[in-house]
C-alpha atoms as a PDB file:
ATOM      1  CA  MET A   1       0.199   0.113   0.068  1.00  0.00           C
ATOM      2  CA  THR A   2       1.428   3.576  -0.946  1.00  0.00           C
ATOM      3  CA  LYS A   3       2.346   5.742   2.296  1.00  0.00           C
ATOM      4  CA  TYR A   4       1.173   9.291   2.204  1.00  0.00           C
ATOM      5  CA  ASP A   5       2.810  12.040   4.335  1.00  0.00           C
ATOM      6  CA  ASN A   6      -0.892  13.550   4.965  1.00  0.00           C
ATOM      7  CA  THR A   7      -2.701  11.346   7.540  1.00  0.00           C
ATOM      8  CA  VAL A   8      -6.090  12.387   6.557  1.00  0.00           C
ATOM      9  CA  ILE A   9      -5.107  10.817   2.993  1.00  0.00           C
ATOM     10  CA  GLU A  10      -3.722   7.861   4.652  1.00  0.00           C
ATOM     11  CA  THR A  11      -6.942   7.325   6.533  1.00  0.00           C
ATOM     12  CA  VAL A  12      -9.266   7.598   3.148  1.00  0.00           C
ATOM     13  CA  MET A  13      -7.033   5.405   1.249  1.00  0.00           C
ATOM     14  CA  GLY A  14      -7.357   2.694   4.217  1.00  0.00           C
ATOM     15  CA  LEU A  15     -10.905   2.414   4.112  1.00  0.00           C
ATOM     16  CA  ARG A  16     -12.435  -1.024   3.658  1.00  0.00           C
ATOM     17  CA  SER A  17     -15.495  -2.742   4.167  1.00  0.00           C
ATOM     18  CA  ILE A  18     -15.974  -5.175   7.031  1.00  0.00           C
ATOM     19  CA  ARG A  19     -18.952  -7.860   7.559  1.00  0.00           C
ATOM     20  CA  LYS A  20     -17.354  -9.922  10.439  1.00  0.00           C
ATOM     21  CA  PHE A  21     -17.001  -7.934  13.425  1.00  0.00           C
ATOM     22  CA  SER A  22     -14.953  -8.875  16.919  1.00  0.00           C
ATOM     23  CA  GLU A  23     -16.723  -8.489  20.093  1.00  0.00           C
ATOM     24  CA  ARG A  24     -14.378  -5.740  20.905  1.00  0.00           C
ATOM     25  CA  GLU A  25     -16.528  -2.697  22.335  1.00  0.00           C
ATOM     26  CA  ILE A  26     -16.396   0.877  21.006  1.00  0.00           C
ATOM     27  CA  LEU A  27     -15.597   3.247  23.582  1.00  0.00           C
ATOM     28  CA  GLU A  28     -18.038   5.737  24.445  1.00  0.00           C
ATOM     29  CA  LYS A  29     -15.623   8.831  24.053  1.00  0.00           C
ATOM     30  CA  ASP A  30     -14.644   7.276  20.453  1.00  0.00           C
ATOM     31  CA  LEU A  31     -18.539   6.955  19.478  1.00  0.00           C
ATOM     32  CA  LYS A  32     -19.028  10.597  20.881  1.00  0.00           C
ATOM     33  CA  ILE A  33     -15.997  11.863  18.385  1.00  0.00           C
ATOM     34  CA  ILE A  34     -17.538  10.146  15.475  1.00  0.00           C
ATOM     35  CA  LEU A  35     -21.046  11.613  16.099  1.00  0.00           C
ATOM     36  CA  ASN A  36     -19.745  15.075  16.843  1.00  0.00           C
ATOM     37  CA  SER A  37     -17.639  14.680  13.793  1.00  0.00           C
ATOM     38  CA  CYS A  38     -20.096  13.571  11.279  1.00  0.00           C
ATOM     39  CA  VAL A  39     -22.678  16.226  11.542  1.00  0.00           C
ATOM     40  CA  ARG A  40     -19.939  18.561  10.580  1.00  0.00           C
ATOM     41  CA  ALA A  41     -20.448  17.388   6.954  1.00  0.00           C
ATOM     42  CA  ALA A  42     -21.757  19.981   4.601  1.00  0.00           C
ATOM     43  CA  ASN A  43     -25.236  20.291   4.572  1.00  0.00           C
ATOM     44  CA  ALA A  44     -27.957  22.335   2.528  1.00  0.00           C
ATOM     45  CA  SER A  45     -28.920  25.781   4.208  1.00  0.00           C
ATOM     46  CA  GLY A  46     -27.910  24.402   7.454  1.00  0.00           C
ATOM     47  CA  ARG A  47     -30.845  22.265   7.821  1.00  0.00           C
ATOM     48  CA  GLN A  48     -29.230  19.024   8.334  1.00  0.00           C
ATOM     49  CA  SER A  49     -32.032  17.294   6.746  1.00  0.00           C
ATOM     50  CA  TYR A  50     -31.099  14.064   8.672  1.00  0.00           C
ATOM     51  CA  SER A  51     -31.630  11.990  12.081  1.00  0.00           C
ATOM     52  CA  ILE A  52     -29.160   9.568  13.283  1.00  0.00           C
ATOM     53  CA  ILE A  53     -30.228   6.938  15.474  1.00  0.00           C
ATOM     54  CA  VAL A  54     -27.669   5.144  17.364  1.00  0.00           C
ATOM     55  CA  VAL A  55     -28.190   1.205  18.007  1.00  0.00           C
ATOM     56  CA  ASP A  56     -26.613  -0.934  20.557  1.00  0.00           C
ATOM     57  CA  ASP A  57     -29.436  -3.450  20.998  1.00  0.00           C
ATOM     58  CA  LYS A  58     -27.514  -6.663  20.488  1.00  0.00           C
ATOM     59  CA  GLU A  59     -30.706  -8.344  18.586  1.00  0.00           C
ATOM     60  CA  LEU A  60     -30.817  -5.572  16.330  1.00  0.00           C
ATOM     61  CA  LEU A  61     -27.306  -5.415  15.755  1.00  0.00           C
ATOM     62  CA  LYS A  62     -27.279  -9.027  14.688  1.00  0.00           C
ATOM     63  CA  GLN A  63     -30.309  -8.799  12.468  1.00  0.00           C
ATOM     64  CA  LEU A  64     -29.899  -5.320  10.611  1.00  0.00           C
ATOM     65  CA  PHE A  65     -25.993  -4.343  11.275  1.00  0.00           C
ATOM     66  CA  TYR A  66     -23.896  -7.540  10.610  1.00  0.00           C
ATOM     67  CA  GLY A  67     -23.359  -8.277  14.479  1.00  0.00           C
ATOM     68  CA  ALA A  68     -21.181  -4.810  14.523  1.00  0.00           C
ATOM     69  CA  ASN A  69     -20.753  -3.387  18.205  1.00  0.00           C
ATOM     70  CA  ILE A  70     -22.557  -0.154  17.137  1.00  0.00           C
ATOM     71  CA  GLY A  71     -25.181   0.554  14.421  1.00  0.00           C
ATOM     72  CA  LEU A  72     -25.921   4.214  13.016  1.00  0.00           C
ATOM     73  CA  LEU A  73     -29.232   4.272  11.125  1.00  0.00           C
ATOM     74  CA  PHE A  74     -29.170   7.453   9.039  1.00  0.00           C
ATOM     75  CA  CYS A  75     -32.830   8.973   7.815  1.00  0.00           C
ATOM     76  CA  VAL A  76     -33.662  11.657   5.822  1.00  0.00           C
ATOM     77  CA  ASP A  77     -35.956  13.338   7.947  1.00  0.00           C
ATOM     78  CA  PHE A  78     -37.543  16.861   7.738  1.00  0.00           C
ATOM     79  CA  ASN A  79     -39.702  16.487  10.953  1.00  0.00           C
ATOM     80  CA  ARG A  80     -37.303  18.582  13.213  1.00  0.00           C
ATOM     81  CA  ILE A  81     -37.265  21.378  10.553  1.00  0.00           C
ATOM     82  CA  ILE A  82     -41.247  21.203  10.254  1.00  0.00           C
ATOM     83  CA  ASP A  83     -41.683  21.320  13.936  1.00  0.00           C
ATOM     84  CA  SER A  84     -39.269  24.413  14.313  1.00  0.00           C
ATOM     85  CA  ALA A  85     -41.373  26.490  11.822  1.00  0.00           C
ATOM     86  CA  ASN A  86     -44.729  25.474  13.357  1.00  0.00           C
ATOM     87  CA  TYR A  87     -43.138  26.270  16.701  1.00  0.00           C
ATOM     88  CA  LEU A  88     -42.205  29.963  15.208  1.00  0.00           C
ATOM     89  CA  GLY A  89     -45.707  30.183  13.665  1.00  0.00           C
ATOM     90  CA  HIS A  90     -44.430  29.482  10.040  1.00  0.00           C
ATOM     91  CA  SER A  91     -45.115  26.620   7.770  1.00  0.00           C
ATOM     92  CA  TYR A  92     -42.475  24.737   5.839  1.00  0.00           C
ATOM     93  CA  ASN A  93     -43.500  22.627   2.870  1.00  0.00           C
ATOM     94  CA  ILE A  94     -41.941  19.514   1.554  1.00  0.00           C
ATOM     95  CA  GLU A  95     -41.493  20.024  -2.404  1.00  0.00           C
ATOM     96  CA  GLY A  96     -41.707  16.301  -3.201  1.00  0.00           C
ATOM     97  CA  ILE A  97     -38.503  14.659  -4.991  1.00  0.00           C
ATOM     98  CA  ARG A  98     -36.506  17.829  -4.694  1.00  0.00           C
ATOM     99  CA  GLU A  99     -36.419  17.617  -1.175  1.00  0.00           C
ATOM    100  CA  PHE A 100     -35.731  13.935  -0.762  1.00  0.00           C
ATOM    101  CA  ILE A 101     -32.748  14.345  -3.202  1.00  0.00           C
ATOM    102  CA  THR A 102     -31.395  17.339  -0.972  1.00  0.00           C
ATOM    103  CA  GLY A 103     -32.235  15.351   2.199  1.00  0.00           C
ATOM    104  CA  SER A 104     -30.572  12.175   0.819  1.00  0.00           C
ATOM    105  CA  THR A 105     -27.297  14.294  -0.017  1.00  0.00           C
ATOM    106  CA  ASP A 106     -26.929  15.609   3.409  1.00  0.00           C
ATOM    107  CA  THR A 107     -27.599  12.186   4.937  1.00  0.00           C
ATOM    108  CA  ILE A 108     -25.012  10.505   2.549  1.00  0.00           C
ATOM    109  CA  LEU A 109     -22.481  13.083   3.326  1.00  0.00           C
ATOM    110  CA  THR A 110     -22.708  12.838   7.049  1.00  0.00           C
ATOM    111  CA  THR A 111     -22.618   8.949   6.658  1.00  0.00           C
ATOM    112  CA  GLN A 112     -19.260   8.995   4.721  1.00  0.00           C
ATOM    113  CA  THR A 113     -17.914  11.748   7.134  1.00  0.00           C
ATOM    114  CA  ALA A 114     -18.754   9.230   9.745  1.00  0.00           C
ATOM    115  CA  VAL A 115     -17.089   6.303   8.186  1.00  0.00           C
ATOM    116  CA  ILE A 116     -13.628   8.521   7.866  1.00  0.00           C
ATOM    117  CA  THR A 117     -13.854   9.540  11.492  1.00  0.00           C
ATOM    118  CA  ALA A 118     -14.129   6.047  12.641  1.00  0.00           C
ATOM    119  CA  LYS A 119     -11.195   4.923  10.430  1.00  0.00           C
ATOM    120  CA  SER A 120      -9.265   7.487  12.063  1.00  0.00           C
ATOM    121  CA  LEU A 121      -9.939   6.110  15.349  1.00  0.00           C
ATOM    122  CA  GLY A 122      -8.949   2.460  14.013  1.00  0.00           C
ATOM    123  CA  ILE A 123     -12.833   1.288  13.740  1.00  0.00           C
ATOM    124  CA  ASP A 124     -13.922  -0.436  10.798  1.00  0.00           C
ATOM    125  CA  SER A 125     -17.372  -0.256   9.342  1.00  0.00           C
ATOM    126  CA  LEU A 126     -19.830  -1.438   6.655  1.00  0.00           C
ATOM    127  CA  ILE A 127     -22.562   0.843   4.736  1.00  0.00           C
ATOM    128  CA  THR A 128     -25.516  -1.253   3.848  1.00  0.00           C
ATOM    129  CA  ASN A 129     -29.041  -0.845   2.639  1.00  0.00           C
ATOM    130  CA  SER A 130     -29.993  -3.779   5.059  1.00  0.00           C
ATOM    131  CA  VAL A 131     -32.788  -1.707   6.305  1.00  0.00           C
ATOM    132  CA  HIS A 132     -34.439  -1.839   2.783  1.00  0.00           C
ATOM    133  CA  ARG A 133     -34.788  -5.784   3.018  1.00  0.00           C
ATOM    134  CA  ALA A 134     -37.542  -5.847   5.471  1.00  0.00           C
ATOM    135  CA  PRO A 135     -41.095  -4.394   4.932  1.00  0.00           C
ATOM    136  CA  PHE A 136     -40.813  -0.623   5.492  1.00  0.00           C
ATOM    137  CA  ASP A 137     -43.698  -0.804   8.287  1.00  0.00           C
ATOM    138  CA  LYS A 138     -41.624  -3.109  10.206  1.00  0.00           C
ATOM    139  CA  ILE A 139     -38.573  -1.026   9.966  1.00  0.00           C
ATOM    140  CA  SER A 140     -40.552   1.974  11.106  1.00  0.00           C
ATOM    141  CA  GLU A 141     -41.977   0.349  14.052  1.00  0.00           C
ATOM    142  CA  VAL A 142     -38.731  -1.111  15.201  1.00  0.00           C
ATOM    143  CA  PHE A 143     -37.251   2.422  15.272  1.00  0.00           C
ATOM    144  CA  ASP A 144     -40.437   4.395  16.065  1.00  0.00           C
ATOM    145  CA  LEU A 145     -40.117   6.572  13.086  1.00  0.00           C
ATOM    146  CA  PRO A 146     -42.571   9.429  12.283  1.00  0.00           C
ATOM    147  CA  GLU A 147     -45.156   8.675   9.922  1.00  0.00           C
ATOM    148  CA  LYS A 148     -44.301  11.394   7.635  1.00  0.00           C
ATOM    149  CA  TYR A 149     -41.181  12.790   6.188  1.00  0.00           C
ATOM    150  CA  CYS A 150     -38.727  10.358   7.468  1.00  0.00           C
ATOM    151  CA  PHE A 151     -37.030   7.596   5.564  1.00  0.00           C
ATOM    152  CA  PRO A 152     -34.210   5.059   6.694  1.00  0.00           C
ATOM    153  CA  LEU A 153     -31.729   5.519   4.126  1.00  0.00           C
ATOM    154  CA  ILE A 154     -28.483   3.925   5.169  1.00  0.00           C
ATOM    155  CA  ALA A 155     -27.510   1.460   7.873  1.00  0.00           C
ATOM    156  CA  LEU A 156     -23.624   2.137   9.037  1.00  0.00           C
ATOM    157  CA  CYS A 157     -21.958  -0.836  10.963  1.00  0.00           C
ATOM    158  CA  LEU A 158     -19.081  -0.046  13.307  1.00  0.00           C
ATOM    159  CA  GLY A 159     -16.900  -2.146  15.033  1.00  0.00           C
ATOM    160  CA  TYR A 160     -13.490  -3.913  14.887  1.00  0.00           C
ATOM    161  CA  ALA A 161     -12.638  -6.687  12.172  1.00  0.00           C
ATOM    162  CA  GLU A 162     -12.659 -10.209  13.613  1.00  0.00           C
ATOM    163  CA  GLU A 163      -9.779 -10.963  11.321  1.00  0.00           C
ATOM    164  CA  GLU A 164      -7.760  -8.759   9.110  1.00  0.00           C
ATOM    165  CA  PRO A 165      -8.662  -9.224   5.422  1.00  0.00           C
ATOM    166  CA  THR A 166      -6.129 -10.432   3.061  1.00  0.00           C
ATOM    167  CA  TYR A 167      -6.713  -7.540   0.841  1.00  0.00           C
ATOM    168  CA  LYS A 168      -8.444  -4.411   0.454  1.00  0.00           C
ATOM    169  CA  LYS A 169     -10.588  -4.072  -2.770  1.00  0.00           C
ATOM    170  CA  GLY A 170      -9.647  -2.080  -5.717  1.00  0.00           C
ATOM    171  CA  ARG A 171     -11.606   0.791  -7.374  1.00  0.00           C
ATOM    172  CA  LEU A 172     -12.090   1.667 -11.026  1.00  0.00           C
ATOM    173  CA  THR A 173     -10.261   5.077 -11.596  1.00  0.00           C
ATOM    174  CA  ASN A 174     -10.302   6.364 -15.151  1.00  0.00           C
ATOM    175  CA  SER A 175     -12.329   3.772 -16.981  1.00  0.00           C
ATOM    176  CA  GLY A 176     -15.468   6.060 -17.568  1.00  0.00           C
ATOM    177  CA  VAL A 177     -15.612   7.165 -13.927  1.00  0.00           C
ATOM    178  CA  ILE A 178     -13.445  10.495 -14.164  1.00  0.00           C
ATOM    179  CA  HIS A 179     -14.459  12.849 -16.802  1.00  0.00           C
ATOM    180  CA  PHE A 180     -12.569  16.292 -17.698  1.00  0.00           C
ATOM    181  CA  ASN A 181     -14.748  19.174 -18.836  1.00  0.00           C
ATOM    182  CA  LYS A 182     -17.579  17.235 -20.255  1.00  0.00           C
ATOM    183  CA  TYR A 183     -19.213  13.765 -20.021  1.00  0.00           C
ATOM    184  CA  SER A 184     -17.524  11.111 -22.376  1.00  0.00           C
ATOM    185  CA  LYS A 185     -19.106   7.740 -22.959  1.00  0.00           C
ATOM    186  CA  LEU A 186     -16.799   4.759 -23.540  1.00  0.00           C
ATOM    187  CA  ASN A 187     -16.308   3.195 -26.671  1.00  0.00           C
ATOM    188  CA  ASP A 188     -16.170  -0.541 -27.632  1.00  0.00           C
ATOM    189  CA  LYS A 189     -12.304  -0.580 -27.012  1.00  0.00           C
ATOM    190  CA  GLU A 190     -12.579   1.188 -23.930  1.00  0.00           C
ATOM    191  CA  LEU A 191     -15.260  -0.996 -22.457  1.00  0.00           C
ATOM    192  CA  GLU A 192     -13.467  -4.142 -23.139  1.00  0.00           C
ATOM    193  CA  LYS A 193     -10.586  -2.546 -21.008  1.00  0.00           C
ATOM    194  CA  LEU A 194     -13.285  -1.666 -18.343  1.00  0.00           C
ATOM    195  CA  VAL A 195     -14.582  -5.414 -18.367  1.00  0.00           C
ATOM    196  CA  ASN A 196     -10.922  -6.645 -18.231  1.00  0.00           C
ATOM    197  CA  GLU A 197     -10.151  -4.429 -15.421  1.00  0.00           C
ATOM    198  CA  TYR A 198     -12.854  -6.142 -13.252  1.00  0.00           C
ATOM    199  CA  ASP A 199     -11.217  -9.589 -14.029  1.00  0.00           C
ATOM    200  CA  ASN A 200      -7.686  -8.296 -13.315  1.00  0.00           C
ATOM    201  CA  GLN A 201      -7.048 -10.279  -9.886  1.00  0.00           C
ATOM    202  CA  GLU A 202      -4.232  -8.021  -8.931  1.00  0.00           C
ATOM    203  CA  LYS A 203      -6.547  -5.061  -8.802  1.00  0.00           C
ATOM    204  CA  ARG A 204      -9.019  -7.052  -6.703  1.00  0.00           C
ATOM    205  CA  ILE A 205     -12.068  -4.926  -7.990  1.00  0.00           C
ATOM    206  CA  ALA A 206     -14.557  -7.885  -8.325  1.00  0.00           C
ATOM    207  CA  ASN A 207     -15.809  -9.941  -5.058  1.00  0.00           C
ATOM    208  CA  ARG A 208     -15.085 -13.236  -6.526  1.00  0.00           C
ATOM    209  CA  THR A 209     -12.028 -14.480  -7.801  1.00  0.00           C
ATOM    210  CA  LYS A 210     -11.630 -16.438 -11.290  1.00  0.00           C
ATOM    211  CA  GLU A 211     -11.765 -19.677  -9.449  1.00  0.00           C
ATOM    212  CA  GLN A 212     -14.776 -19.086  -7.647  1.00  0.00           C
ATOM    213  CA  LEU A 213     -16.528 -17.772 -11.091  1.00  0.00           C
ATOM    214  CA  ALA A 214     -15.168 -20.679 -12.967  1.00  0.00           C
ATOM    215  CA  GLU A 215     -16.899 -22.913 -10.259  1.00  0.00           C
ATOM    216  CA  MET A 216     -20.208 -21.375 -11.184  1.00  0.00           C
ATOM    217  CA  GLY A 217     -19.778 -21.403 -14.812  1.00  0.00           C
ATOM    218  CA  PHE A 218     -18.627 -17.926 -15.577  1.00  0.00           C
ATOM    219  CA  GLU A 219     -15.269 -16.884 -17.467  1.00  0.00           C
ATOM    220  CA  ARG A 220     -16.006 -12.955 -16.692  1.00  0.00           C
ATOM    221  CA  TYR A 221     -16.867 -11.399 -13.400  1.00  0.00           C
ATOM    222  CA  LEU A 222     -19.403  -8.984 -14.999  1.00  0.00           C
ATOM    223  CA  ASP A 223     -21.231 -11.948 -16.685  1.00  0.00           C
ATOM    224  CA  TRP A 224     -21.846 -13.317 -13.134  1.00  0.00           C
ATOM    225  CA  PHE A 225     -22.837  -9.702 -11.809  1.00  0.00           C
ATOM    226  CA  PHE A 226     -25.230  -8.985 -14.553  1.00  0.00           C
ATOM    227  CA  GLN A 227     -27.315 -12.513 -14.650  1.00  0.00           C
ATOM    228  CA  VAL A 228     -26.994 -13.393 -10.883  1.00  0.00           C
ATOM    229  CA  TRP A 229     -26.065 -10.866  -8.414  1.00  0.00           C
ATOM    230  CA  SER A 230     -27.597  -7.654  -9.529  1.00  0.00           C
ATOM    231  CA  THR A 231     -30.909  -9.785 -10.077  1.00  0.00           C
ATOM    232  CA  ARG A 232     -31.345 -10.043  -6.228  1.00  0.00           C
ATOM    233  CA  PHE A 233     -32.647  -6.821  -5.674  1.00  0.00           C
ATOM    234  CA  SER A 234     -35.930  -7.846  -7.229  1.00  0.00           C
ATOM    235  CA  ASN A 235     -36.154 -10.285  -3.969  1.00  0.00           C
ATOM    236  CA  PHE A 236     -36.065  -7.189  -1.482  1.00  0.00           C
ATOM    237  CA  GLU A 237     -38.862  -7.329   0.884  1.00  0.00           C
ATOM    238  CA  MET A 238     -39.328  -3.751   1.428  1.00  0.00           C
ATOM    239  CA  ASP A 239     -42.703  -2.545  -0.342  1.00  0.00           C
ATOM    240  CA  ASN A 240     -42.544  -0.634  -3.515  1.00  0.00           C
ATOM    241  CA  MET A 241     -40.054   2.301  -2.914  1.00  0.00           C
ATOM    242  CA  GLN A 242     -42.116   4.664  -4.853  1.00  0.00           C
ATOM    243  CA  GLU A 243     -45.535   3.726  -2.801  1.00  0.00           C
ATOM    244  CA  VAL A 244     -43.315   4.148   0.262  1.00  0.00           C
ATOM    245  CA  LEU A 245     -42.122   7.693  -0.730  1.00  0.00           C
ATOM    246  CA  LYS A 246     -45.705   8.600  -1.525  1.00  0.00           C
ATOM    247  CA  ARG A 247     -47.105   7.633   1.668  1.00  0.00           C
ATOM    248  CA  ILE A 248     -44.620   9.422   3.857  1.00  0.00           C
ATOM    249  CA  GLY A 249     -44.754  12.743   1.526  1.00  0.00           C
ATOM    250  CA  PHE A 250     -41.612  12.617  -0.420  1.00  0.00           C
ATOM    251  CA  LEU A 251     -43.638  12.014  -3.648  1.00  0.00           C
ATOM    252  CA  ILE A 252     -46.882  13.595  -4.954  1.00  0.00           C
END
């Protein structure tokens, strides 16, 4: 791994996702640092249109947070803003999908800031959509969410790795990811290069080895991804997302 003189860059470059956590507990002082730091993330108009639910219930952590030591549920939430307006005798109207996108952006930024802060303290993490794999009403009941203008967007698992991973997953860089001045679609030659980049065992971008793919009857990772892995999303148990967003006020 390349070493950097800047400790912040070193932390970011060391980010990784962990799915098996040890029983080592996160110190209260470290959790407080994570929470105080993540709310420093940029947000629209100083509204911080999100709420963070700290979860330490062992059963919930097992069910929804991969058995992590601490779970943070990040919700797009406008209730605090609406209540503040009402308290002052004003009104605050949610303007549909625009507010949801703005709130989602605020929520995502604070989640990633929590991840970086945790890693700087030696605490690993996993960002997951596990809360979208159950009926919305069940998740809403478990966490006692408001009926309107609150949507559980991201579950963040925090803890210490049970064992050190043998490698850190790679990432695409220039294969259609980064553009300069204007968007540029990939041509067939560039697409072939991208496909091969996923199959490059040294880069470790794919989450399946060549041997594992061969056992399943696939030569290329993206063949398996499009034919098998991506189809699993149709089996999620959450109600139709569009209907949920309509019911809680983010879609008209």
